[in-house]
Amino acid sequence: MIEVKDLTFSYTQKPFIVDMNFEVMEGEIFGFLGPSGAGKSTLQKILLGMLPNYKGVAKVGGVECKRCGSDFYRTIGVDFEFSTMYEKLSARENLEFFSSLYGIKGRSIDDLLLAVGLENDGDKRVSDFSKGMKSRLNFVKALVHDPQLLFLDEPTSGLDPTNSRMMKDLILEEKRRGKTILLTTHNMQDATELCGRVAFIVGGKLFALGSPGLLTFSHAHKHQL
């Protein structure tokens, strides 16, 4: 589904992402793990086609990201860390609007609202929503056109334990539906619960790659030696 080879990117003269290599298989939940400023969000933006001035290979679905067209965006769903909803519109109006942009039959808006516990709030203006409600709505906005690939940026950030559990269950349900999911997080617990593999990124470099459990064991073992 995703191929990254010898990827290098810089905002200035100094490289920000350096010689990165990894692949993501279809149907996998793959995590980008690391501290703030490590390059996780930049890497995600490259794969979304938002930063085309990179060197090396970055392919999604066999398409080089710097050359992706409008059809590419029908196959992906994106949940940014911060809400991208229109505050003066209701939750339902937002979902109907974003669904209409894709020109294809998507998923039931009623079902999506029900899935995140907003079935009784669909006609409320988003400006009246709490941060947690906005986060859940933002997540299902990424699902309205039923994409095959999901980019999730800190999906549990700012959620209380109950809603965090709901979000994780929804992500795992999308995996069961055959979706490929890229998850950006700095939370090792989330990575352990959700991801089959994680890329641990430090200073723009791929520091380690493997299952969350294996990386945790390796880190603990090094500190015991």
C-alpha atoms as a PDB file:
ATOM      1  CA  MET A   1       0.000   0.000   0.000  1.00  0.00           C
ATOM      2  CA  ILE A   2       2.818   2.442   0.895  1.00  0.00           C
ATOM      3  CA  GLU A   3       6.459   2.420  -0.172  1.00  0.00           C
ATOM      4  CA  VAL A   4       9.041   4.858   1.186  1.00  0.00           C
ATOM      5  CA  LYS A   5      12.619   4.565  -0.032  1.00  0.00           C
ATOM      6  CA  ASP A   6      15.599   6.856   0.606  1.00  0.00           C
ATOM      7  CA  LEU A   7      13.182   9.653   1.521  1.00  0.00           C
ATOM      8  CA  THR A   8      14.787  12.982   2.406  1.00  0.00           C
ATOM      9  CA  PHE A   9      13.036  16.303   2.962  1.00  0.00           C
ATOM     10  CA  SER A  10      14.069  19.740   4.171  1.00  0.00           C
ATOM     11  CA  TYR A  11      12.249  22.977   4.967  1.00  0.00           C
ATOM     12  CA  THR A  12      15.605  24.814   4.872  1.00  0.00           C
ATOM     13  CA  GLN A  13      19.165  23.872   3.920  1.00  0.00           C
ATOM     14  CA  LYS A  14      19.298  21.456   6.852  1.00  0.00           C
ATOM     15  CA  PRO A  15      17.596  18.053   6.206  1.00  0.00           C
ATOM     16  CA  PHE A  16      14.495  17.499   8.334  1.00  0.00           C
ATOM     17  CA  ILE A  17      13.774  13.910   7.247  1.00  0.00           C
ATOM     18  CA  VAL A  18      16.832  11.845   6.380  1.00  0.00           C
ATOM     19  CA  ASP A  19      17.094   8.649   4.258  1.00  0.00           C
ATOM     20  CA  MET A  20      13.892   7.043   5.508  1.00  0.00           C
ATOM     21  CA  ASN A  21      12.879   3.564   4.336  1.00  0.00           C
ATOM     22  CA  PHE A  22       9.785   1.488   5.191  1.00  0.00           C
ATOM     23  CA  GLU A  23       6.728  -0.203   3.671  1.00  0.00           C
ATOM     24  CA  VAL A  24       3.129  -0.472   4.870  1.00  0.00           C
ATOM     25  CA  MET A  25       1.093  -3.520   3.920  1.00  0.00           C
ATOM     26  CA  GLU A  26      -2.565  -3.418   2.897  1.00  0.00           C
ATOM     27  CA  GLY A  27      -4.882  -3.905   5.889  1.00  0.00           C
ATOM     28  CA  GLU A  28      -2.207  -2.982   8.431  1.00  0.00           C
ATOM     29  CA  ILE A  29      -2.342  -0.423  11.245  1.00  0.00           C
ATOM     30  CA  PHE A  30       1.086   1.196  11.057  1.00  0.00           C
ATOM     31  CA  GLY A  31       2.189   3.772  13.616  1.00  0.00           C
ATOM     32  CA  PHE A  32       4.524   6.752  13.477  1.00  0.00           C
ATOM     33  CA  LEU A  33       5.791   7.041  17.036  1.00  0.00           C
ATOM     34  CA  GLY A  34       8.096   9.648  18.515  1.00  0.00           C
ATOM     35  CA  PRO A  35       8.393  12.921  20.438  1.00  0.00           C
ATOM     36  CA  SER A  36       6.964  16.233  19.250  1.00  0.00           C
ATOM     37  CA  GLY A  37       9.043  17.738  16.452  1.00  0.00           C
ATOM     38  CA  ALA A  38      10.508  14.379  15.428  1.00  0.00           C
ATOM     39  CA  GLY A  39       9.120  14.595  11.880  1.00  0.00           C
ATOM     40  CA  LYS A  40       5.981  12.453  12.198  1.00  0.00           C
ATOM     41  CA  SER A  41       3.534  15.073  10.926  1.00  0.00           C
ATOM     42  CA  THR A  42       5.913  16.145   8.159  1.00  0.00           C
ATOM     43  CA  LEU A  43       6.169  12.551   6.983  1.00  0.00           C
ATOM     44  CA  GLN A  44       2.393  12.279   6.995  1.00  0.00           C
ATOM     45  CA  LYS A  45       2.089  15.479   4.926  1.00  0.00           C
ATOM     46  CA  ILE A  46       4.505  14.071   2.345  1.00  0.00           C
ATOM     47  CA  LEU A  47       2.382  10.925   2.017  1.00  0.00           C
ATOM     48  CA  LEU A  48      -0.714  13.115   1.626  1.00  0.00           C
ATOM     49  CA  GLY A  49       0.873  14.956  -1.306  1.00  0.00           C
ATOM     50  CA  MET A  50       1.075  18.233   0.625  1.00  0.00           C
ATOM     51  CA  LEU A  51       4.895  18.522   0.511  1.00  0.00           C
ATOM     52  CA  PRO A  52       6.045  17.517  -2.995  1.00  0.00           C
ATOM     53  CA  ASN A  53       9.610  18.843  -2.786  1.00  0.00           C
ATOM     54  CA  TYR A  54      11.138  15.680  -1.361  1.00  0.00           C
ATOM     55  CA  LYS A  55      13.905  13.448  -2.649  1.00  0.00           C
ATOM     56  CA  GLY A  56      13.635   9.704  -2.946  1.00  0.00           C
ATOM     57  CA  VAL A  57      10.493   7.591  -3.316  1.00  0.00           C
ATOM     58  CA  ALA A  58       7.172   8.049  -1.528  1.00  0.00           C
ATOM     59  CA  LYS A  59       4.393   5.993  -3.111  1.00  0.00           C
ATOM     60  CA  VAL A  60       0.829   5.411  -1.935  1.00  0.00           C
ATOM     61  CA  GLY A  61      -1.119   2.772  -3.824  1.00  0.00           C
ATOM     62  CA  GLY A  62       1.636   2.698  -6.431  1.00  0.00           C
ATOM     63  CA  VAL A  63       1.345   6.450  -7.110  1.00  0.00           C
ATOM     64  CA  GLU A  64       4.249   8.791  -6.400  1.00  0.00           C
ATOM     65  CA  CYS A  65       2.916  11.285  -3.838  1.00  0.00           C
ATOM     66  CA  LYS A  66       4.304  14.352  -5.589  1.00  0.00           C
ATOM     67  CA  ARG A  67       2.270  13.411  -8.679  1.00  0.00           C
ATOM     68  CA  CYS A  68      -1.030  12.415  -7.059  1.00  0.00           C
ATOM     69  CA  GLY A  69      -4.238  13.790  -8.605  1.00  0.00           C
ATOM     70  CA  SER A  70      -7.830  14.303  -7.461  1.00  0.00           C
ATOM     71  CA  ASP A  71      -8.627  10.576  -7.726  1.00  0.00           C
ATOM     72  CA  PHE A  72      -5.997   9.922  -5.057  1.00  0.00           C
ATOM     73  CA  TYR A  73      -7.992  11.871  -2.466  1.00  0.00           C
ATOM     74  CA  ARG A  74     -11.079   9.723  -3.027  1.00  0.00           C
ATOM     75  CA  THR A  75      -9.114   6.739  -1.741  1.00  0.00           C
ATOM     76  CA  ILE A  76      -7.863   8.308   1.508  1.00  0.00           C
ATOM     77  CA  GLY A  77      -9.449   9.749   4.637  1.00  0.00           C
ATOM     78  CA  VAL A  78      -7.646  12.193   6.922  1.00  0.00           C
ATOM     79  CA  ASP A  79      -8.308  12.988  10.569  1.00  0.00           C
ATOM     80  CA  PHE A  80      -6.119  15.892  11.632  1.00  0.00           C
ATOM     81  CA  GLU A  81      -5.423  16.455  15.322  1.00  0.00           C
ATOM     82  CA  PHE A  82      -7.440  19.679  15.299  1.00  0.00           C
ATOM     83  CA  SER A  83     -11.030  20.059  14.082  1.00  0.00           C
ATOM     84  CA  THR A  84     -11.534  21.120  10.457  1.00  0.00           C
ATOM     85  CA  MET A  85     -15.308  21.469  10.738  1.00  0.00           C
ATOM     86  CA  TYR A  86     -17.385  24.529   9.863  1.00  0.00           C
ATOM     87  CA  GLU A  87     -18.435  25.784  13.275  1.00  0.00           C
ATOM     88  CA  LYS A  88     -21.656  27.504  12.128  1.00  0.00           C
ATOM     89  CA  LEU A  89     -22.994  24.340  10.509  1.00  0.00           C
ATOM     90  CA  SER A  90     -24.514  21.385  12.321  1.00  0.00           C
ATOM     91  CA  ALA A  91     -22.707  18.056  12.587  1.00  0.00           C
ATOM     92  CA  ARG A  92     -24.995  16.550   9.965  1.00  0.00           C
ATOM     93  CA  GLU A  93     -24.583  19.502   7.592  1.00  0.00           C
ATOM     94  CA  ASN A  94     -20.802  19.217   7.893  1.00  0.00           C
ATOM     95  CA  LEU A  95     -20.825  15.508   7.075  1.00  0.00           C
ATOM     96  CA  GLU A  96     -23.250  16.003   4.177  1.00  0.00           C
ATOM     97  CA  PHE A  97     -21.078  18.789   2.758  1.00  0.00           C
ATOM     98  CA  PHE A  98     -17.788  16.888   2.966  1.00  0.00           C
ATOM     99  CA  SER A  99     -19.428  13.757   1.592  1.00  0.00           C
ATOM    100  CA  SER A 100     -20.693  15.710  -1.417  1.00  0.00           C
ATOM    101  CA  LEU A 101     -17.158  16.774  -2.381  1.00  0.00           C
ATOM    102  CA  TYR A 102     -16.166  13.253  -3.385  1.00  0.00           C
ATOM    103  CA  GLY A 103     -18.907  12.674  -5.938  1.00  0.00           C
ATOM    104  CA  ILE A 104     -19.368   9.054  -4.867  1.00  0.00           C
ATOM    105  CA  LYS A 105     -21.841   7.201  -2.683  1.00  0.00           C
ATOM    106  CA  GLY A 106     -20.422   7.092   0.810  1.00  0.00           C
ATOM    107  CA  ARG A 107     -21.436   5.705   4.172  1.00  0.00           C
ATOM    108  CA  SER A 108     -24.635   6.448   6.055  1.00  0.00           C
ATOM    109  CA  ILE A 109     -24.323   9.680   8.039  1.00  0.00           C
ATOM    110  CA  ASP A 110     -26.828   8.408  10.603  1.00  0.00           C
ATOM    111  CA  ASP A 111     -24.720   5.283  11.124  1.00  0.00           C
ATOM    112  CA  LEU A 112     -21.532   7.321  11.510  1.00  0.00           C
ATOM    113  CA  LEU A 113     -23.085   9.653  14.086  1.00  0.00           C
ATOM    114  CA  LEU A 114     -24.404   6.639  15.984  1.00  0.00           C
ATOM    115  CA  ALA A 115     -20.978   5.000  15.962  1.00  0.00           C
ATOM    116  CA  VAL A 116     -19.431   7.923  17.873  1.00  0.00           C
ATOM    117  CA  GLY A 117     -22.358   8.550  20.212  1.00  0.00           C
ATOM    118  CA  LEU A 118     -23.532  11.727  18.463  1.00  0.00           C
ATOM    119  CA  GLU A 119     -26.865  10.400  17.178  1.00  0.00           C
ATOM    120  CA  ASN A 120     -28.767  12.933  19.334  1.00  0.00           C
ATOM    121  CA  ASP A 121     -26.468  15.836  18.452  1.00  0.00           C
ATOM    122  CA  GLY A 122     -26.501  15.686  14.665  1.00  0.00           C
ATOM    123  CA  ASP A 123     -28.548  18.864  14.278  1.00  0.00           C
ATOM    124  CA  LYS A 124     -26.557  20.917  16.799  1.00  0.00           C
ATOM    125  CA  ARG A 125     -24.102  23.522  15.586  1.00  0.00           C
ATOM    126  CA  VAL A 126     -20.509  22.377  15.893  1.00  0.00           C
ATOM    127  CA  SER A 127     -19.682  25.600  17.764  1.00  0.00           C
ATOM    128  CA  ASP A 128     -21.727  24.189  20.665  1.00  0.00           C
ATOM    129  CA  PHE A 129     -19.734  20.933  20.753  1.00  0.00           C
ATOM    130  CA  SER A 130     -17.134  20.097  23.379  1.00  0.00           C
ATOM    131  CA  LYS A 131     -13.564  19.336  22.298  1.00  0.00           C
ATOM    132  CA  GLY A 132     -14.219  15.615  22.641  1.00  0.00           C
ATOM    133  CA  MET A 133     -17.388  15.789  20.533  1.00  0.00           C
ATOM    134  CA  LYS A 134     -15.516  17.697  17.822  1.00  0.00           C
ATOM    135  CA  SER A 135     -12.761  15.089  17.876  1.00  0.00           C
ATOM    136  CA  ARG A 136     -15.240  12.241  17.387  1.00  0.00           C
ATOM    137  CA  LEU A 137     -17.029  14.125  14.619  1.00  0.00           C
ATOM    138  CA  ASN A 138     -13.729  14.890  12.906  1.00  0.00           C
ATOM    139  CA  PHE A 139     -12.930  11.182  12.932  1.00  0.00           C
ATOM    140  CA  VAL A 140     -16.126  10.093  11.174  1.00  0.00           C
ATOM    141  CA  LYS A 141     -15.697  12.919   8.659  1.00  0.00           C
ATOM    142  CA  ALA A 142     -12.659  10.948   7.446  1.00  0.00           C
ATOM    143  CA  LEU A 143     -14.947   7.936   6.865  1.00  0.00           C
ATOM    144  CA  VAL A 144     -17.848   9.507   4.940  1.00  0.00           C
ATOM    145  CA  HIS A 145     -16.555   8.452   1.497  1.00  0.00           C
ATOM    146  CA  ASP A 146     -15.496   4.981   2.728  1.00  0.00           C
ATOM    147  CA  PRO A 147     -11.774   5.317   1.855  1.00  0.00           C
ATOM    148  CA  GLN A 148      -9.371   2.396   1.790  1.00  0.00           C
ATOM    149  CA  LEU A 149      -6.546   4.271   3.535  1.00  0.00           C
ATOM    150  CA  LEU A 150      -6.867   6.341   6.720  1.00  0.00           C
ATOM    151  CA  PHE A 151      -4.389   8.896   8.060  1.00  0.00           C
ATOM    152  CA  LEU A 152      -5.037   9.539  11.745  1.00  0.00           C
ATOM    153  CA  ASP A 153      -3.108  12.257  13.580  1.00  0.00           C
ATOM    154  CA  GLU A 154      -3.169  11.833  17.392  1.00  0.00           C
ATOM    155  CA  PRO A 155      -6.761  10.466  17.298  1.00  0.00           C
ATOM    156  CA  THR A 156      -7.101  10.102  21.105  1.00  0.00           C
ATOM    157  CA  SER A 157      -5.502  13.430  22.018  1.00  0.00           C
ATOM    158  CA  GLY A 158      -7.562  15.355  24.583  1.00  0.00           C
ATOM    159  CA  LEU A 159     -10.159  12.598  25.014  1.00  0.00           C
ATOM    160  CA  ASP A 160     -11.255  11.276  28.401  1.00  0.00           C
ATOM    161  CA  PRO A 161     -10.692   7.535  29.039  1.00  0.00           C
ATOM    162  CA  THR A 162     -14.222   6.547  27.949  1.00  0.00           C
ATOM    163  CA  ASN A 163     -14.079   8.394  24.637  1.00  0.00           C
ATOM    164  CA  SER A 164     -10.479   7.324  24.089  1.00  0.00           C
ATOM    165  CA  ARG A 165     -11.611   3.691  24.393  1.00  0.00           C
ATOM    166  CA  MET A 166     -14.461   4.373  21.962  1.00  0.00           C
ATOM    167  CA  MET A 167     -12.029   5.871  19.448  1.00  0.00           C
ATOM    168  CA  LYS A 168      -9.660   2.910  19.699  1.00  0.00           C
ATOM    169  CA  ASP A 169     -12.517   0.458  19.196  1.00  0.00           C
ATOM    170  CA  LEU A 170     -13.638   2.382  16.108  1.00  0.00           C
ATOM    171  CA  ILE A 171     -10.116   2.300  14.669  1.00  0.00           C
ATOM    172  CA  LEU A 172      -9.894  -1.461  15.232  1.00  0.00           C
ATOM    173  CA  GLU A 173     -13.311  -1.876  13.591  1.00  0.00           C
ATOM    174  CA  GLU A 174     -12.038  -0.058  10.488  1.00  0.00           C
ATOM    175  CA  LYS A 175      -9.106  -2.477  10.377  1.00  0.00           C
ATOM    176  CA  ARG A 176     -11.573  -5.377  10.510  1.00  0.00           C
ATOM    177  CA  ARG A 177     -13.320  -3.789   7.537  1.00  0.00           C
ATOM    178  CA  GLY A 178     -10.057  -4.113   5.602  1.00  0.00           C
ATOM    179  CA  LYS A 179      -8.779  -0.558   5.863  1.00  0.00           C
ATOM    180  CA  THR A 180      -5.108   0.352   5.933  1.00  0.00           C
ATOM    181  CA  ILE A 181      -4.424   2.851   8.722  1.00  0.00           C
ATOM    182  CA  LEU A 182      -1.478   5.163   9.398  1.00  0.00           C
ATOM    183  CA  LEU A 183      -1.516   6.400  12.961  1.00  0.00           C
ATOM    184  CA  THR A 184       0.629   9.279  14.210  1.00  0.00           C
ATOM    185  CA  THR A 185       1.058   9.353  17.969  1.00  0.00           C
ATOM    186  CA  HIS A 186       3.477  10.019  20.813  1.00  0.00           C
ATOM    187  CA  ASN A 187       1.496   7.666  23.091  1.00  0.00           C
ATOM    188  CA  MET A 188       3.154   4.245  23.407  1.00  0.00           C
ATOM    189  CA  GLN A 189       0.017   2.781  25.002  1.00  0.00           C
ATOM    190  CA  ASP A 190      -2.075   3.715  21.965  1.00  0.00           C
ATOM    191  CA  ALA A 191       0.579   2.278  19.658  1.00  0.00           C
ATOM    192  CA  THR A 192       0.688  -0.972  21.632  1.00  0.00           C
ATOM    193  CA  GLU A 193      -3.107  -1.389  21.590  1.00  0.00           C
ATOM    194  CA  LEU A 194      -3.628  -0.462  17.950  1.00  0.00           C
ATOM    195  CA  CYS A 195      -0.572  -0.960  15.762  1.00  0.00           C
ATOM    196  CA  GLY A 196       0.847  -4.113  14.263  1.00  0.00           C
ATOM    197  CA  ARG A 197       4.107  -2.275  13.611  1.00  0.00           C
ATOM    198  CA  VAL A 198       5.496   1.143  14.469  1.00  0.00           C
ATOM    199  CA  ALA A 199       8.246   3.330  13.065  1.00  0.00           C
ATOM    200  CA  PHE A 200      10.003   5.112  15.929  1.00  0.00           C
ATOM    201  CA  ILE A 201      11.159   8.467  14.561  1.00  0.00           C
ATOM    202  CA  VAL A 202      13.731  10.671  16.272  1.00  0.00           C
ATOM    203  CA  GLY A 203      15.234  13.798  14.735  1.00  0.00           C
ATOM    204  CA  GLY A 204      13.837  13.031  11.290  1.00  0.00           C
ATOM    205  CA  LYS A 205      15.436   9.591  11.207  1.00  0.00           C
ATOM    206  CA  LEU A 206      13.922   6.122  11.456  1.00  0.00           C
ATOM    207  CA  PHE A 207      15.389   5.022  14.774  1.00  0.00           C
ATOM    208  CA  ALA A 208      13.626   1.634  14.996  1.00  0.00           C
ATOM    209  CA  LEU A 209      10.934  -0.354  13.187  1.00  0.00           C
ATOM    210  CA  GLY A 210       8.947  -3.321  14.477  1.00  0.00           C
ATOM    211  CA  SER A 211       6.075  -4.435  16.687  1.00  0.00           C
ATOM    212  CA  PRO A 212       5.351  -2.141  19.670  1.00  0.00           C
ATOM    213  CA  GLY A 213       5.907  -5.005  22.117  1.00  0.00           C
ATOM    214  CA  LEU A 214       9.287  -5.878  20.617  1.00  0.00           C
ATOM    215  CA  LEU A 215      10.478  -2.275  20.667  1.00  0.00           C
ATOM    216  CA  THR A 216       9.360  -1.855  24.283  1.00  0.00           C
ATOM    217  CA  PHE A 217      11.190  -5.047  25.301  1.00  0.00           C
ATOM    218  CA  SER A 218      14.332  -4.007  23.423  1.00  0.00           C
ATOM    219  CA  HIS A 219      14.326  -0.578  25.075  1.00  0.00           C
ATOM    220  CA  ALA A 220      13.823  -2.064  28.542  1.00  0.00           C
ATOM    221  CA  HIS A 221      16.541  -4.667  27.960  1.00  0.00           C
ATOM    222  CA  LYS A 222      19.084  -2.032  26.955  1.00  0.00           C
ATOM    223  CA  HIS A 223      18.415  -0.113  30.172  1.00  0.00           C
ATOM    224  CA  GLN A 224      18.946  -3.267  32.230  1.00  0.00           C
ATOM    225  CA  LEU A 225      22.376  -3.918  30.744  1.00  0.00           C
END
